[in-house]
């Protein structure tokens, strides 16, 4: 069980790779000058999604996403 958990922790999640790829391209992000509403809306949504990961509660989000899917 421990080896399985360690192997899973060493993999980079696909959603993280997708998020990094999204931010590589500057033209995909809504700039504050072009559309301030979308810029702030997306920023707040990303922060609200990432705060539980920063607090170590990522398992709760995984369970939530699994329930939705």
C-alpha atoms as a PDB file:
ATOM      1  CA  UNK A   1       0.000   0.000   0.000  1.00  0.00           C
ATOM      2  CA  UNK A   2       2.799   2.392   0.896  1.00  0.00           C
ATOM      3  CA  UNK A   3       4.658   1.727  -2.368  1.00  0.00           C
ATOM      4  CA  UNK A   4       1.487   2.355  -4.343  1.00  0.00           C
ATOM      5  CA  UNK A   5       0.930   5.700  -2.615  1.00  0.00           C
ATOM      6  CA  UNK A   6       4.551   6.717  -3.134  1.00  0.00           C
ATOM      7  CA  UNK A   7       4.351   5.857  -6.835  1.00  0.00           C
ATOM      8  CA  UNK A   8       1.145   7.872  -7.189  1.00  0.00           C
ATOM      9  CA  UNK A   9       2.693  10.881  -5.430  1.00  0.00           C
ATOM     10  CA  UNK A  10       5.652  10.926  -7.836  1.00  0.00           C
ATOM     11  CA  UNK A  11       3.466  11.282 -10.937  1.00  0.00           C
ATOM     12  CA  UNK A  12       2.564  14.733 -12.195  1.00  0.00           C
ATOM     13  CA  UNK A  13      -1.229  14.978 -12.469  1.00  0.00           C
ATOM     14  CA  UNK A  14      -2.585  15.548 -15.971  1.00  0.00           C
ATOM     15  CA  UNK A  15      -4.691  18.524 -14.864  1.00  0.00           C
ATOM     16  CA  UNK A  16      -1.533  20.242 -13.613  1.00  0.00           C
ATOM     17  CA  UNK A  17       0.210  19.702 -16.943  1.00  0.00           C
ATOM     18  CA  UNK A  18      -2.857  21.113 -18.723  1.00  0.00           C
ATOM     19  CA  UNK A  19      -2.881  24.142 -16.424  1.00  0.00           C
ATOM     20  CA  UNK A  20       0.806  24.819 -17.058  1.00  0.00           C
ATOM     21  CA  UNK A  21       0.295  24.449 -20.822  1.00  0.00           C
ATOM     22  CA  UNK A  22      -2.614  26.886 -20.608  1.00  0.00           C
ATOM     23  CA  UNK A  23      -0.478  29.551 -18.970  1.00  0.00           C
ATOM     24  CA  UNK A  24       2.412  29.067 -21.404  1.00  0.00           C
ATOM     25  CA  UNK A  25       0.372  30.753 -24.105  1.00  0.00           C
ATOM     26  CA  UNK A  26      -0.152  34.398 -23.175  1.00  0.00           C
ATOM     27  CA  UNK A  27      -2.899  34.953 -25.725  1.00  0.00           C
ATOM     28  CA  UNK A  28      -5.268  32.521 -23.962  1.00  0.00           C
ATOM     29  CA  UNK A  29      -5.479  34.500 -20.751  1.00  0.00           C
ATOM     30  CA  UNK A  30      -7.834  37.461 -20.515  1.00  0.00           C
ATOM     31  CA  UNK A  31      -5.752  40.511 -19.702  1.00  0.00           C
ATOM     32  CA  UNK A  32      -7.001  43.139 -17.305  1.00  0.00           C
ATOM     33  CA  UNK A  33      -7.004  45.791 -20.017  1.00  0.00           C
ATOM     34  CA  UNK A  34      -8.976  43.750 -22.566  1.00  0.00           C
ATOM     35  CA  UNK A  35     -11.697  42.366 -20.314  1.00  0.00           C
ATOM     36  CA  UNK A  36     -11.356  43.178 -16.625  1.00  0.00           C
ATOM     37  CA  UNK A  37     -14.478  41.234 -15.586  1.00  0.00           C
ATOM     38  CA  UNK A  38     -13.269  37.936 -17.085  1.00  0.00           C
ATOM     39  CA  UNK A  39      -9.765  38.519 -15.756  1.00  0.00           C
ATOM     40  CA  UNK A  40     -10.934  38.929 -12.164  1.00  0.00           C
ATOM     41  CA  UNK A  41     -13.544  36.173 -12.449  1.00  0.00           C
ATOM     42  CA  UNK A  42     -11.002  33.622 -13.675  1.00  0.00           C
ATOM     43  CA  UNK A  43      -8.441  34.747 -11.115  1.00  0.00           C
ATOM     44  CA  UNK A  44     -10.904  34.314  -8.246  1.00  0.00           C
ATOM     45  CA  UNK A  45     -12.050  30.898  -9.527  1.00  0.00           C
ATOM     46  CA  UNK A  46      -8.486  29.639  -9.870  1.00  0.00           C
ATOM     47  CA  UNK A  47      -7.601  30.874  -6.391  1.00  0.00           C
ATOM     48  CA  UNK A  48     -10.694  29.230  -4.886  1.00  0.00           C
ATOM     49  CA  UNK A  49      -9.804  25.938  -6.529  1.00  0.00           C
ATOM     50  CA  UNK A  50      -6.131  26.039  -5.553  1.00  0.00           C
ATOM     51  CA  UNK A  51      -6.489  27.118  -1.891  1.00  0.00           C
ATOM     52  CA  UNK A  52      -7.567  23.635  -0.709  1.00  0.00           C
ATOM     53  CA  UNK A  53      -4.550  22.128  -2.479  1.00  0.00           C
ATOM     54  CA  UNK A  54      -2.265  24.608  -0.718  1.00  0.00           C
ATOM     55  CA  UNK A  55      -3.847  23.711   2.628  1.00  0.00           C
ATOM     56  CA  UNK A  56      -3.369  19.995   2.013  1.00  0.00           C
ATOM     57  CA  UNK A  57      -7.036  19.259   1.350  1.00  0.00           C
ATOM     58  CA  UNK A  58      -6.624  18.132  -2.250  1.00  0.00           C
ATOM     59  CA  UNK A  59      -8.326  14.811  -1.537  1.00  0.00           C
ATOM     60  CA  UNK A  60     -11.588  16.645  -0.886  1.00  0.00           C
ATOM     61  CA  UNK A  61     -11.440  18.284  -4.307  1.00  0.00           C
ATOM     62  CA  UNK A  62     -10.608  14.956  -5.944  1.00  0.00           C
ATOM     63  CA  UNK A  63     -13.658  13.384  -4.315  1.00  0.00           C
ATOM     64  CA  UNK A  64     -15.814  16.325  -5.380  1.00  0.00           C
ATOM     65  CA  UNK A  65     -14.615  16.105  -9.000  1.00  0.00           C
ATOM     66  CA  UNK A  66     -15.212  12.335  -8.983  1.00  0.00           C
ATOM     67  CA  UNK A  67     -18.757  12.830  -7.690  1.00  0.00           C
ATOM     68  CA  UNK A  68     -19.470  15.430 -10.368  1.00  0.00           C
ATOM     69  CA  UNK A  69     -17.979  13.305 -13.145  1.00  0.00           C
END
